[in-house]
Amino acid sequence: MRQGLGMTQREMAKRLGISQPTLARLENADLNTTLKTLAQICRALHCRPGDLFEPGGVKMPSRRGR
């Protein structure tokens, strides 16, 4: 979704007040987020939380073995 808006990780991270490496970890499902950060992400992407989990939304990699 972020990329569809033409937004870089650096730009998105700045909007969220987090570092670019932290955003990368969130996008790669290497880091859990808080509801507060989820709400900030949705505001930045102009979407609802459920949109992030719908087919065609953000694709989360499989986390087998965890």
PDB file of N, CA and C in Angstrom:
ATOM      1  N   MET A   1       0.822  -1.187   0.000  1.00  0.00           N
ATOM      2  CA  MET A   1       0.000   0.000   0.000  1.00  0.00           C
ATOM      3  C   MET A   1       0.870   1.256   0.000  1.00  0.00           C
ATOM      4  N   ARG A   2       1.913   1.247   0.813  1.00  0.00           N
ATOM      5  CA  ARG A   2       2.816   2.400   0.879  1.00  0.00           C
ATOM      6  C   ARG A   2       3.434   2.646  -0.490  1.00  0.00           C
ATOM      7  N   GLN A   3       3.900   1.573  -1.112  1.00  0.00           N
ATOM      8  CA  GLN A   3       4.538   1.711  -2.414  1.00  0.00           C
ATOM      9  C   GLN A   3       3.540   2.167  -3.473  1.00  0.00           C
ATOM     10  N   GLY A   4       2.296   1.709  -3.365  1.00  0.00           N
ATOM     11  CA  GLY A   4       1.254   2.126  -4.297  1.00  0.00           C
ATOM     12  C   GLY A   4       0.986   3.622  -4.238  1.00  0.00           C
ATOM     13  N   LEU A   5       1.286   4.224  -3.092  1.00  0.00           N
ATOM     14  CA  LEU A   5       1.139   5.675  -2.935  1.00  0.00           C
ATOM     15  C   LEU A   5       2.410   6.419  -3.338  1.00  0.00           C
ATOM     16  N   GLY A   6       3.416   5.658  -3.798  1.00  0.00           N
ATOM     17  CA  GLY A   6       4.671   6.277  -4.207  1.00  0.00           C
ATOM     18  C   GLY A   6       5.496   6.784  -3.040  1.00  0.00           C
ATOM     19  N   MET A   7       5.311   6.173  -1.874  1.00  0.00           N
ATOM     20  CA  MET A   7       5.991   6.621  -0.659  1.00  0.00           C
ATOM     21  C   MET A   7       7.156   5.681  -0.332  1.00  0.00           C
ATOM     22  N   THR A   8       8.312   6.247  -0.063  1.00  0.00           N
ATOM     23  CA  THR A   8       9.458   5.433   0.332  1.00  0.00           C
ATOM     24  C   THR A   8       9.343   5.050   1.806  1.00  0.00           C
ATOM     25  N   GLN A   9      10.134   4.061   2.202  1.00  0.00           N
ATOM     26  CA  GLN A   9      10.168   3.696   3.620  1.00  0.00           C
ATOM     27  C   GLN A   9      10.623   4.885   4.456  1.00  0.00           C
ATOM     28  N   ARG A  10      11.579   5.625   3.975  1.00  0.00           N
ATOM     29  CA  ARG A  10      12.079   6.779   4.722  1.00  0.00           C
ATOM     30  C   ARG A  10      10.969   7.808   4.940  1.00  0.00           C
ATOM     31  N   GLU A  11      10.200   8.101   3.880  1.00  0.00           N
ATOM     32  CA  GLU A  11       9.095   9.063   3.994  1.00  0.00           C
ATOM     33  C   GLU A  11       8.023   8.566   4.967  1.00  0.00           C
ATOM     34  N   MET A  12       7.671   7.293   4.849  1.00  0.00           N
ATOM     35  CA  MET A  12       6.646   6.723   5.728  1.00  0.00           C
ATOM     36  C   MET A  12       7.121   6.727   7.174  1.00  0.00           C
ATOM     37  N   ALA A  13       8.359   6.329   7.397  1.00  0.00           N
ATOM     38  CA  ALA A  13       8.907   6.304   8.752  1.00  0.00           C
ATOM     39  C   ALA A  13       8.894   7.700   9.367  1.00  0.00           C
ATOM     40  N   LYS A  14       9.226   8.701   8.569  1.00  0.00           N
ATOM     41  CA  LYS A  14       9.214  10.078   9.073  1.00  0.00           C
ATOM     42  C   LYS A  14       7.805  10.486   9.493  1.00  0.00           C
ATOM     43  N   ARG A  15       6.805  10.125   8.697  1.00  0.00           N
ATOM     44  CA  ARG A  15       5.410  10.437   9.047  1.00  0.00           C
ATOM     45  C   ARG A  15       4.994   9.763  10.349  1.00  0.00           C
ATOM     46  N   LEU A  16       5.536   8.562  10.581  1.00  0.00           N
ATOM     47  CA  LEU A  16       5.168   7.795  11.770  1.00  0.00           C
ATOM     48  C   LEU A  16       6.007   8.148  12.991  1.00  0.00           C
ATOM     49  N   GLY A  17       7.118   8.838  12.773  1.00  0.00           N
ATOM     50  CA  GLY A  17       8.000   9.164  13.890  1.00  0.00           C
ATOM     51  C   GLY A  17       8.816   7.975  14.358  1.00  0.00           C
ATOM     52  N   ILE A  18       9.125   7.068  13.410  1.00  0.00           N
ATOM     53  CA  ILE A  18       9.963   5.908  13.720  1.00  0.00           C
ATOM     54  C   ILE A  18      11.116   5.881  12.725  1.00  0.00           C
ATOM     55  N   SER A  19      12.093   5.036  12.977  1.00  0.00           N
ATOM     56  CA  SER A  19      13.231   4.950  12.062  1.00  0.00           C
ATOM     57  C   SER A  19      12.877   4.088  10.847  1.00  0.00           C
ATOM     58  N   GLN A  20      13.598   4.294   9.761  1.00  0.00           N
ATOM     59  CA  GLN A  20      13.378   3.492   8.552  1.00  0.00           C
ATOM     60  C   GLN A  20      13.651   2.016   8.826  1.00  0.00           C
ATOM     61  N   PRO A  21      14.733   1.659   9.559  1.00  0.00           N
ATOM     62  CA  PRO A  21      14.933   0.236   9.855  1.00  0.00           C
ATOM     63  C   PRO A  21      13.781  -0.380  10.660  1.00  0.00           C
ATOM     64  N   THR A  22      13.187   0.392  11.558  1.00  0.00           N
ATOM     65  CA  THR A  22      12.043  -0.117  12.323  1.00  0.00           C
ATOM     66  C   THR A  22      10.864  -0.369  11.397  1.00  0.00           C
ATOM     67  N   LEU A  23      10.604   0.545  10.470  1.00  0.00           N
ATOM     68  CA  LEU A  23       9.520   0.346   9.510  1.00  0.00           C
ATOM     69  C   LEU A  23       9.788  -0.891   8.661  1.00  0.00           C
ATOM     70  N   ALA A  24      11.017  -1.075   8.228  1.00  0.00           N
ATOM     71  CA  ALA A  24      11.359  -2.263   7.434  1.00  0.00           C
ATOM     72  C   ALA A  24      11.063  -3.536   8.223  1.00  0.00           C
ATOM     73  N   ARG A  25      11.397  -3.543   9.504  1.00  0.00           N
ATOM     74  CA  ARG A  25      11.121  -4.713  10.347  1.00  0.00           C
ATOM     75  C   ARG A  25       9.620  -4.939  10.495  1.00  0.00           C
ATOM     76  N   LEU A  26       8.845  -3.869  10.623  1.00  0.00           N
ATOM     77  CA  LEU A  26       7.385  -4.000  10.691  1.00  0.00           C
ATOM     78  C   LEU A  26       6.831  -4.580   9.391  1.00  0.00           C
ATOM     79  N   GLU A  27       7.295  -4.060   8.266  1.00  0.00           N
ATOM     80  CA  GLU A  27       6.806  -4.528   6.966  1.00  0.00           C
ATOM     81  C   GLU A  27       7.174  -5.979   6.702  1.00  0.00           C
ATOM     82  N   ASN A  28       8.290  -6.421   7.243  1.00  0.00           N
ATOM     83  CA  ASN A  28       8.739  -7.797   7.042  1.00  0.00           C
ATOM     84  C   ASN A  28       8.245  -8.747   8.123  1.00  0.00           C
ATOM     85  N   ALA A  29       7.379  -8.259   9.000  1.00  0.00           N
ATOM     86  CA  ALA A  29       6.812  -9.049  10.108  1.00  0.00           C
ATOM     87  C   ALA A  29       7.896  -9.574  11.044  1.00  0.00           C
ATOM     88  N   ASP A  30       8.984  -8.828  11.166  1.00  0.00           N
ATOM     89  CA  ASP A  30      10.048  -9.170  12.105  1.00  0.00           C
ATOM     90  C   ASP A  30       9.863  -8.445  13.428  1.00  0.00           C
ATOM     91  N   LEU A  31       8.843  -7.609  13.512  1.00  0.00           N
ATOM     92  CA  LEU A  31       8.585  -6.808  14.703  1.00  0.00           C
ATOM     93  C   LEU A  31       7.080  -6.630  14.837  1.00  0.00           C
ATOM     94  N   ASN A  32       6.572  -6.847  16.031  1.00  0.00           N
ATOM     95  CA  ASN A  32       5.151  -6.605  16.289  1.00  0.00           C
ATOM     96  C   ASN A  32       4.930  -5.109  16.479  1.00  0.00           C
ATOM     97  N   THR A  33       3.715  -4.670  16.227  1.00  0.00           N
ATOM     98  CA  THR A  33       3.385  -3.260  16.377  1.00  0.00           C
ATOM     99  C   THR A  33       2.364  -3.069  17.494  1.00  0.00           C
ATOM    100  N   THR A  34       2.177  -1.843  17.868  1.00  0.00           N
ATOM    101  CA  THR A  34       1.157  -1.503  18.865  1.00  0.00           C
ATOM    102  C   THR A  34      -0.081  -0.997  18.129  1.00  0.00           C
ATOM    103  N   LEU A  35      -1.188  -0.938  18.837  1.00  0.00           N
ATOM    104  CA  LEU A  35      -2.401  -0.379  18.235  1.00  0.00           C
ATOM    105  C   LEU A  35      -2.197   1.085  17.863  1.00  0.00           C
ATOM    106  N   LYS A  36      -1.428   1.802  18.672  1.00  0.00           N
ATOM    107  CA  LYS A  36      -1.152   3.211  18.386  1.00  0.00           C
ATOM    108  C   LYS A  36      -0.414   3.352  17.053  1.00  0.00           C
ATOM    109  N   THR A  37       0.620   2.532  16.851  1.00  0.00           N
ATOM    110  CA  THR A  37       1.377   2.593  15.599  1.00  0.00           C
ATOM    111  C   THR A  37       0.512   2.139  14.433  1.00  0.00           C
ATOM    112  N   LEU A  38      -0.313   1.116  14.644  1.00  0.00           N
ATOM    113  CA  LEU A  38      -1.220   0.660  13.594  1.00  0.00           C
ATOM    114  C   LEU A  38      -2.156   1.792  13.175  1.00  0.00           C
ATOM    115  N   ALA A  39      -2.679   2.524  14.137  1.00  0.00           N
ATOM    116  CA  ALA A  39      -3.551   3.664  13.828  1.00  0.00           C
ATOM    117  C   ALA A  39      -2.787   4.732  13.046  1.00  0.00           C
ATOM    118  N   GLN A  40      -1.536   4.985  13.410  1.00  0.00           N
ATOM    119  CA  GLN A  40      -0.724   5.974  12.693  1.00  0.00           C
ATOM    120  C   GLN A  40      -0.473   5.521  11.257  1.00  0.00           C
ATOM    121  N   ILE A  41      -0.208   4.233  11.079  1.00  0.00           N
ATOM    122  CA  ILE A  41       0.016   3.687   9.737  1.00  0.00           C
ATOM    123  C   ILE A  41      -1.236   3.889   8.890  1.00  0.00           C
ATOM    124  N   CYS A  42      -2.385   3.583   9.463  1.00  0.00           N
ATOM    125  CA  CYS A  42      -3.645   3.738   8.724  1.00  0.00           C
ATOM    126  C   CYS A  42      -3.906   5.194   8.353  1.00  0.00           C
ATOM    127  N   ARG A  43      -3.607   6.103   9.249  1.00  0.00           N
ATOM    128  CA  ARG A  43      -3.773   7.532   8.922  1.00  0.00           C
ATOM    129  C   ARG A  43      -2.850   7.920   7.769  1.00  0.00           C
ATOM    130  N   ALA A  44      -1.604   7.458   7.816  1.00  0.00           N
ATOM    131  CA  ALA A  44      -0.638   7.806   6.771  1.00  0.00           C
ATOM    132  C   ALA A  44      -1.029   7.214   5.421  1.00  0.00           C
ATOM    133  N   LEU A  45      -1.645   6.027   5.437  1.00  0.00           N
ATOM    134  CA  LEU A  45      -2.026   5.351   4.196  1.00  0.00           C
ATOM    135  C   LEU A  45      -3.474   5.629   3.794  1.00  0.00           C
ATOM    136  N   HIS A  46      -4.195   6.389   4.631  1.00  0.00           N
ATOM    137  CA  HIS A  46      -5.603   6.708   4.364  1.00  0.00           C
ATOM    138  C   HIS A  46      -6.422   5.432   4.184  1.00  0.00           C
ATOM    139  N   CYS A  47      -6.290   4.526   5.153  1.00  0.00           N
ATOM    140  CA  CYS A  47      -7.027   3.265   5.093  1.00  0.00           C
ATOM    141  C   CYS A  47      -7.536   2.890   6.478  1.00  0.00           C
ATOM    142  N   ARG A  48      -8.309   1.822   6.527  1.00  0.00           N
ATOM    143  CA  ARG A  48      -8.797   1.276   7.790  1.00  0.00           C
ATOM    144  C   ARG A  48      -7.892   0.120   8.198  1.00  0.00           C
ATOM    145  N   PRO A  49      -7.797  -0.206   9.483  1.00  0.00           N
ATOM    146  CA  PRO A  49      -6.943  -1.321   9.905  1.00  0.00           C
ATOM    147  C   PRO A  49      -7.239  -2.615   9.154  1.00  0.00           C
ATOM    148  N   GLY A  50      -8.511  -2.919   8.928  1.00  0.00           N
ATOM    149  CA  GLY A  50      -8.865  -4.146   8.215  1.00  0.00           C
ATOM    150  C   GLY A  50      -8.319  -4.204   6.800  1.00  0.00           C
ATOM    151  N   ASP A  51      -8.123  -3.041   6.181  1.00  0.00           N
ATOM    152  CA  ASP A  51      -7.580  -3.001   4.821  1.00  0.00           C
ATOM    153  C   ASP A  51      -6.181  -3.601   4.757  1.00  0.00           C
ATOM    154  N   LEU A  52      -5.447  -3.513   5.845  1.00  0.00           N
ATOM    155  CA  LEU A  52      -4.079  -4.023   5.861  1.00  0.00           C
ATOM    156  C   LEU A  52      -4.035  -5.548   5.867  1.00  0.00           C
ATOM    157  N   PHE A  53      -5.171  -6.174   6.189  1.00  0.00           N
ATOM    158  CA  PHE A  53      -5.205  -7.625   6.319  1.00  0.00           C
ATOM    159  C   PHE A  53      -6.064  -8.302   5.258  1.00  0.00           C
ATOM    160  N   GLU A  54      -6.580  -7.535   4.308  1.00  0.00           N
ATOM    161  CA  GLU A  54      -7.399  -8.080   3.235  1.00  0.00           C
ATOM    162  C   GLU A  54      -6.510  -8.557   2.097  1.00  0.00           C
ATOM    163  N   PRO A  55      -7.005  -9.562   1.326  1.00  0.00           N
ATOM    164  CA  PRO A  55      -6.257  -9.965   0.135  1.00  0.00           C
ATOM    165  C   PRO A  55      -6.027  -8.741  -0.754  1.00  0.00           C
ATOM    166  N   GLY A  56      -4.822  -8.620  -1.241  1.00  0.00           N
ATOM    167  CA  GLY A  56      -4.478  -7.469  -2.061  1.00  0.00           C
ATOM    168  C   GLY A  56      -3.976  -6.297  -1.242  1.00  0.00           C
ATOM    169  N   GLY A  57      -4.106  -6.396   0.085  1.00  0.00           N
ATOM    170  CA  GLY A  57      -3.567  -5.369   0.972  1.00  0.00           C
ATOM    171  C   GLY A  57      -2.104  -5.686   1.222  1.00  0.00           C
ATOM    172  N   VAL A  58      -1.648  -5.435   2.409  1.00  0.00           N
ATOM    173  CA  VAL A  58      -0.266  -5.725   2.759  1.00  0.00           C
ATOM    174  C   VAL A  58      -0.090  -7.228   2.831  1.00  0.00           C
ATOM    175  N   LYS A  59       0.870  -7.755   2.118  1.00  0.00           N
ATOM    176  CA  LYS A  59       1.141  -9.182   2.145  1.00  0.00           C
ATOM    177  C   LYS A  59       2.184  -9.465   3.219  1.00  0.00           C
ATOM    178  N   MET A  60       1.805 -10.297   4.169  1.00  0.00           N
ATOM    179  CA  MET A  60       2.707 -10.639   5.256  1.00  0.00           C
ATOM    180  C   MET A  60       3.350 -11.986   4.948  1.00  0.00           C
ATOM    181  N   PRO A  61       4.659 -12.095   5.109  1.00  0.00           N
ATOM    182  CA  PRO A  61       5.319 -13.373   4.841  1.00  0.00           C
ATOM    183  C   PRO A  61       4.919 -14.410   5.882  1.00  0.00           C
ATOM    184  N   SER A  62       5.001 -15.650   5.473  1.00  0.00           N
ATOM    185  CA  SER A  62       4.732 -16.754   6.393  1.00  0.00           C
ATOM    186  C   SER A  62       5.812 -16.780   7.458  1.00  0.00           C
ATOM    187  N   ARG A  63       5.425 -17.005   8.707  1.00  0.00           N
ATOM    188  CA  ARG A  63       6.386 -17.032   9.814  1.00  0.00           C
ATOM    189  C   ARG A  63       6.450 -18.442  10.388  1.00  0.00           C
ATOM    190  N   ARG A  64       6.715 -19.429   9.557  1.00  0.00           N
ATOM    191  CA  ARG A  64       6.783 -20.815  10.010  1.00  0.00           C
ATOM    192  C   ARG A  64       7.925 -21.007  10.982  1.00  0.00           C
ATOM    193  N   GLY A  65       7.700 -21.891  11.911  1.00  0.00           N
ATOM    194  CA  GLY A  65       8.752 -22.222  12.859  1.00  0.00           C
ATOM    195  C   GLY A  65       8.857 -21.270  14.022  1.00  0.00           C
ATOM    196  N   ARG A  66       7.939 -20.343  14.143  1.00  0.00           N
ATOM    197  CA  ARG A  66       7.974 -19.404  15.274  1.00  0.00           C
ATOM    198  C   ARG A  66       6.905 -19.738  16.257  1.00  0.00           C
TER     199      ARG A  66
END
